[in-house]
C-alpha atoms as a PDB file:
ATOM      1  CA  UNK A   1     -50.574 -15.126  45.307  1.00  0.00           C
ATOM      2  CA  UNK A   2     -47.481 -12.842  45.370  1.00  0.00           C
ATOM      3  CA  UNK A   3     -47.241 -11.115  41.700  1.00  0.00           C
ATOM      4  CA  UNK A   4     -44.477  -8.865  42.187  1.00  0.00           C
ATOM      5  CA  UNK A   5     -40.921  -9.603  42.044  1.00  0.00           C
ATOM      6  CA  UNK A   6     -39.326 -10.174  45.433  1.00  0.00           C
ATOM      7  CA  UNK A   7     -37.169  -7.480  47.148  1.00  0.00           C
ATOM      8  CA  UNK A   8     -34.059  -8.843  45.517  1.00  0.00           C
ATOM      9  CA  UNK A   9     -35.141  -9.056  42.062  1.00  0.00           C
ATOM     10  CA  UNK A  10     -37.231  -5.467  42.164  1.00  0.00           C
ATOM     11  CA  UNK A  11     -34.026  -3.835  43.320  1.00  0.00           C
ATOM     12  CA  UNK A  12     -31.778  -5.444  40.632  1.00  0.00           C
ATOM     13  CA  UNK A  13     -34.347  -4.593  37.848  1.00  0.00           C
ATOM     14  CA  UNK A  14     -35.398  -1.094  39.006  1.00  0.00           C
ATOM     15  CA  UNK A  15     -31.617   0.160  39.934  1.00  0.00           C
ATOM     16  CA  UNK A  16     -30.400  -1.461  36.537  1.00  0.00           C
ATOM     17  CA  UNK A  17     -27.590  -3.280  38.350  1.00  0.00           C
ATOM     18  CA  UNK A  18     -25.049  -4.111  36.712  1.00  0.00           C
ATOM     19  CA  UNK A  19     -25.493  -1.678  33.800  1.00  0.00           C
ATOM     20  CA  UNK A  20     -22.391   0.306  32.124  1.00  0.00           C
ATOM     21  CA  UNK A  21     -19.904   0.128  29.483  1.00  0.00           C
ATOM     22  CA  UNK A  22     -18.511  -3.277  30.738  1.00  0.00           C
ATOM     23  CA  UNK A  23     -21.719  -5.055  31.444  1.00  0.00           C
ATOM     24  CA  UNK A  24     -22.987  -7.603  28.467  1.00  0.00           C
ATOM     25  CA  UNK A  25     -26.392  -8.636  27.842  1.00  0.00           C
ATOM     26  CA  UNK A  26     -25.210 -11.899  29.265  1.00  0.00           C
ATOM     27  CA  UNK A  27     -24.038 -11.090  32.324  1.00  0.00           C
ATOM     28  CA  UNK A  28     -27.063  -8.752  33.324  1.00  0.00           C
ATOM     29  CA  UNK A  29     -29.045 -11.783  32.487  1.00  0.00           C
ATOM     30  CA  UNK A  30     -26.930 -14.345  34.607  1.00  0.00           C
ATOM     31  CA  UNK A  31     -26.919 -11.815  37.166  1.00  0.00           C
ATOM     32  CA  UNK A  32     -30.600 -10.800  37.022  1.00  0.00           C
ATOM     33  CA  UNK A  33     -31.477 -14.877  36.719  1.00  0.00           C
ATOM     34  CA  UNK A  34     -29.526 -15.219  40.042  1.00  0.00           C
ATOM     35  CA  UNK A  35     -32.141 -13.069  41.897  1.00  0.00           C
ATOM     36  CA  UNK A  36     -35.065 -14.703  41.030  1.00  0.00           C
ATOM     37  CA  UNK A  37     -36.279 -16.504  43.772  1.00  0.00           C
ATOM     38  CA  UNK A  38     -38.800 -19.453  44.278  1.00  0.00           C
ATOM     39  CA  UNK A  39     -41.533 -16.968  44.964  1.00  0.00           C
ATOM     40  CA  UNK A  40     -40.770 -15.000  42.110  1.00  0.00           C
ATOM     41  CA  UNK A  41     -41.116 -18.238  39.834  1.00  0.00           C
ATOM     42  CA  UNK A  42     -44.463 -19.135  41.815  1.00  0.00           C
ATOM     43  CA  UNK A  43     -45.545 -15.442  41.186  1.00  0.00           C
ATOM     44  CA  UNK A  44     -44.959 -15.494  37.683  1.00  0.00           C
ATOM     45  CA  UNK A  45     -47.223 -17.895  36.779  1.00  0.00           C
ATOM     46  CA  UNK A  46     -50.098 -15.591  37.743  1.00  0.00           C
ATOM     47  CA  UNK A  47     -48.761 -12.987  35.556  1.00  0.00           C
ATOM     48  CA  UNK A  48     -48.481 -15.003  32.308  1.00  0.00           C
ATOM     49  CA  UNK A  49     -51.853 -13.546  31.034  1.00  0.00           C
ATOM     50  CA  UNK A  50     -50.483 -10.113  31.345  1.00  0.00           C
ATOM     51  CA  UNK A  51     -47.344 -11.377  29.580  1.00  0.00           C
ATOM     52  CA  UNK A  52     -49.246 -12.914  26.815  1.00  0.00           C
ATOM     53  CA  UNK A  53     -51.631  -9.794  26.591  1.00  0.00           C
ATOM     54  CA  UNK A  54     -48.413  -7.197  26.559  1.00  0.00           C
ATOM     55  CA  UNK A  55     -46.847  -9.318  24.101  1.00  0.00           C
ATOM     56  CA  UNK A  56     -49.763  -9.700  21.716  1.00  0.00           C
ATOM     57  CA  UNK A  57     -49.856  -5.908  21.346  1.00  0.00           C
ATOM     58  CA  UNK A  58     -46.535  -5.858  19.934  1.00  0.00           C
ATOM     59  CA  UNK A  59     -47.086  -4.851  16.456  1.00  0.00           C
ATOM     60  CA  UNK A  60     -43.458  -3.694  15.188  1.00  0.00           C
ATOM     61  CA  UNK A  61     -41.696  -7.273  15.639  1.00  0.00           C
ATOM     62  CA  UNK A  62     -43.433 -10.426  15.404  1.00  0.00           C
ATOM     63  CA  UNK A  63     -40.276 -12.276  16.086  1.00  0.00           C
ATOM     64  CA  UNK A  64     -40.111 -10.662  19.541  1.00  0.00           C
ATOM     65  CA  UNK A  65     -43.949 -11.426  20.204  1.00  0.00           C
ATOM     66  CA  UNK A  66     -43.196 -15.249  18.841  1.00  0.00           C
ATOM     67  CA  UNK A  67     -40.393 -15.346  21.253  1.00  0.00           C
ATOM     68  CA  UNK A  68     -42.526 -14.300  24.039  1.00  0.00           C
ATOM     69  CA  UNK A  69     -45.090 -16.345  23.700  1.00  0.00           C
ATOM     70  CA  UNK A  70     -42.792 -19.262  23.492  1.00  0.00           C
ATOM     71  CA  UNK A  71     -41.216 -18.400  26.634  1.00  0.00           C
ATOM     72  CA  UNK A  72     -44.454 -17.906  28.131  1.00  0.00           C
ATOM     73  CA  UNK A  73     -45.434 -21.668  27.187  1.00  0.00           C
ATOM     74  CA  UNK A  74     -42.062 -23.106  28.204  1.00  0.00           C
ATOM     75  CA  UNK A  75     -42.682 -21.131  31.393  1.00  0.00           C
ATOM     76  CA  UNK A  76     -46.006 -22.517  32.033  1.00  0.00           C
ATOM     77  CA  UNK A  77     -45.129 -26.064  31.265  1.00  0.00           C
ATOM     78  CA  UNK A  78     -41.932 -26.629  33.007  1.00  0.00           C
ATOM     79  CA  UNK A  79     -41.868 -27.980  36.344  1.00  0.00           C
ATOM     80  CA  UNK A  80     -43.705 -25.173  38.747  1.00  0.00           C
ATOM     81  CA  UNK A  81     -40.612 -25.910  41.422  1.00  0.00           C
ATOM     82  CA  UNK A  82     -37.841 -26.497  38.946  1.00  0.00           C
ATOM     83  CA  UNK A  83     -35.362 -23.396  39.276  1.00  0.00           C
ATOM     84  CA  UNK A  84     -33.135 -24.502  36.490  1.00  0.00           C
ATOM     85  CA  UNK A  85     -30.938 -21.939  34.906  1.00  0.00           C
ATOM     86  CA  UNK A  86     -32.992 -21.899  31.575  1.00  0.00           C
ATOM     87  CA  UNK A  87     -36.154 -21.299  33.755  1.00  0.00           C
ATOM     88  CA  UNK A  88     -34.626 -18.562  35.880  1.00  0.00           C
ATOM     89  CA  UNK A  89     -33.330 -16.599  32.700  1.00  0.00           C
ATOM     90  CA  UNK A  90     -36.720 -17.049  31.038  1.00  0.00           C
ATOM     91  CA  UNK A  91     -38.779 -15.878  34.263  1.00  0.00           C
ATOM     92  CA  UNK A  92     -35.971 -12.827  34.590  1.00  0.00           C
ATOM     93  CA  UNK A  93     -36.326 -11.597  31.017  1.00  0.00           C
ATOM     94  CA  UNK A  94     -40.636 -12.162  31.205  1.00  0.00           C
ATOM     95  CA  UNK A  95     -40.281  -9.896  34.502  1.00  0.00           C
ATOM     96  CA  UNK A  96     -38.290  -7.538  32.798  1.00  0.00           C
ATOM     97  CA  UNK A  97     -40.716  -7.294  29.614  1.00  0.00           C
ATOM     98  CA  UNK A  98     -43.656  -7.135  31.796  1.00  0.00           C
ATOM     99  CA  UNK A  99     -42.758  -4.757  34.659  1.00  0.00           C
ATOM    100  CA  UNK A 100     -41.379  -1.887  32.655  1.00  0.00           C
ATOM    101  CA  UNK A 101     -38.088  -1.405  34.593  1.00  0.00           C
ATOM    102  CA  UNK A 102     -36.613  -0.917  31.222  1.00  0.00           C
ATOM    103  CA  UNK A 103     -33.187   0.647  30.401  1.00  0.00           C
ATOM    104  CA  UNK A 104     -35.458   2.312  27.081  1.00  0.00           C
ATOM    105  CA  UNK A 105     -38.921   2.901  28.093  1.00  0.00           C
ATOM    106  CA  UNK A 106     -41.310   1.037  25.915  1.00  0.00           C
ATOM    107  CA  UNK A 107     -42.944   4.128  25.533  1.00  0.00           C
ATOM    108  CA  UNK A 108     -40.676   5.791  23.160  1.00  0.00           C
ATOM    109  CA  UNK A 109     -41.807   5.489  19.569  1.00  0.00           C
ATOM    110  CA  UNK A 110     -39.668   2.860  17.113  1.00  0.00           C
ATOM    111  CA  UNK A 111     -37.012   2.032  19.873  1.00  0.00           C
ATOM    112  CA  UNK A 112     -38.869   1.666  23.124  1.00  0.00           C
ATOM    113  CA  UNK A 113     -38.777  -2.424  22.922  1.00  0.00           C
ATOM    114  CA  UNK A 114     -35.105  -2.609  21.655  1.00  0.00           C
ATOM    115  CA  UNK A 115     -33.625  -3.598  25.153  1.00  0.00           C
ATOM    116  CA  UNK A 116     -36.223  -5.884  25.461  1.00  0.00           C
ATOM    117  CA  UNK A 117     -35.703  -7.489  22.174  1.00  0.00           C
ATOM    118  CA  UNK A 118     -31.879  -7.742  22.833  1.00  0.00           C
ATOM    119  CA  UNK A 119     -32.505  -9.603  26.185  1.00  0.00           C
ATOM    120  CA  UNK A 120     -35.062 -12.196  24.709  1.00  0.00           C
ATOM    121  CA  UNK A 121     -32.533 -12.513  21.914  1.00  0.00           C
ATOM    122  CA  UNK A 122     -29.836 -13.141  24.400  1.00  0.00           C
ATOM    123  CA  UNK A 123     -31.765 -15.810  26.239  1.00  0.00           C
ATOM    124  CA  UNK A 124     -33.325 -17.457  23.480  1.00  0.00           C
ATOM    125  CA  UNK A 125     -29.961 -17.769  21.859  1.00  0.00           C
ATOM    126  CA  UNK A 126     -28.339 -19.262  25.229  1.00  0.00           C
ATOM    127  CA  UNK A 127     -31.272 -21.723  25.789  1.00  0.00           C
ATOM    128  CA  UNK A 128     -32.419 -22.690  22.761  1.00  0.00           C
ATOM    129  CA  UNK A 129     -31.203 -26.243  22.956  1.00  0.00           C
ATOM    130  CA  UNK A 130     -33.272 -26.426  26.459  1.00  0.00           C
ATOM    131  CA  UNK A 131     -36.403 -24.849  24.589  1.00  0.00           C
ATOM    132  CA  UNK A 132     -36.202 -27.571  21.897  1.00  0.00           C
ATOM    133  CA  UNK A 133     -35.749 -30.658  24.121  1.00  0.00           C
ATOM    134  CA  UNK A 134     -38.775 -29.127  26.068  1.00  0.00           C
ATOM    135  CA  UNK A 135     -40.881 -29.280  22.856  1.00  0.00           C
ATOM    136  CA  UNK A 136     -39.322 -32.612  21.727  1.00  0.00           C
ATOM    137  CA  UNK A 137     -40.417 -33.758  25.291  1.00  0.00           C
ATOM    138  CA  UNK A 138     -43.825 -32.509  24.662  1.00  0.00           C
ATOM    139  CA  UNK A 139     -43.809 -33.884  21.222  1.00  0.00           C
ATOM    140  CA  UNK A 140     -44.393 -30.855  19.884  1.00  0.00           C
ATOM    141  CA  UNK A 141     -42.705 -29.661  16.677  1.00  0.00           C
ATOM    142  CA  UNK A 142     -40.103 -26.878  16.736  1.00  0.00           C
ATOM    143  CA  UNK A 143     -41.643 -23.986  15.396  1.00  0.00           C
ATOM    144  CA  UNK A 144     -40.336 -22.824  12.047  1.00  0.00           C
ATOM    145  CA  UNK A 145     -39.555 -19.379  13.092  1.00  0.00           C
ATOM    146  CA  UNK A 146     -39.645 -19.032  16.794  1.00  0.00           C
END
């Protein structure tokens, strides 16, 4: 199973393509999600335990931790071949979080996860309706503080 990003996605992440003063978090996510291939979607399924482990180690932000766990569950439960825009955005942000292609290195105390949190929050806000619909389809109550 391929567990590394495709060449296109890896290049986008490693070059921080599209970053700059005119780039918004939304445009960065939309362009990054467009780079997510079917192979990336398949590969990410095998990386979900690592995503959950890394998210579980976040001590400074329960909100970021909860949202990453919510994304991992959504991704795990959504159709494996489904390349919907929301699934691709969630996949992109999970790769961004996991693979360490950060604009701000995670190792910097107090601010290392700031870029991850900004992208996670943007993906959450852009796709909240789809996430809530997924929870409803699973007959699961929407978390009180996702």
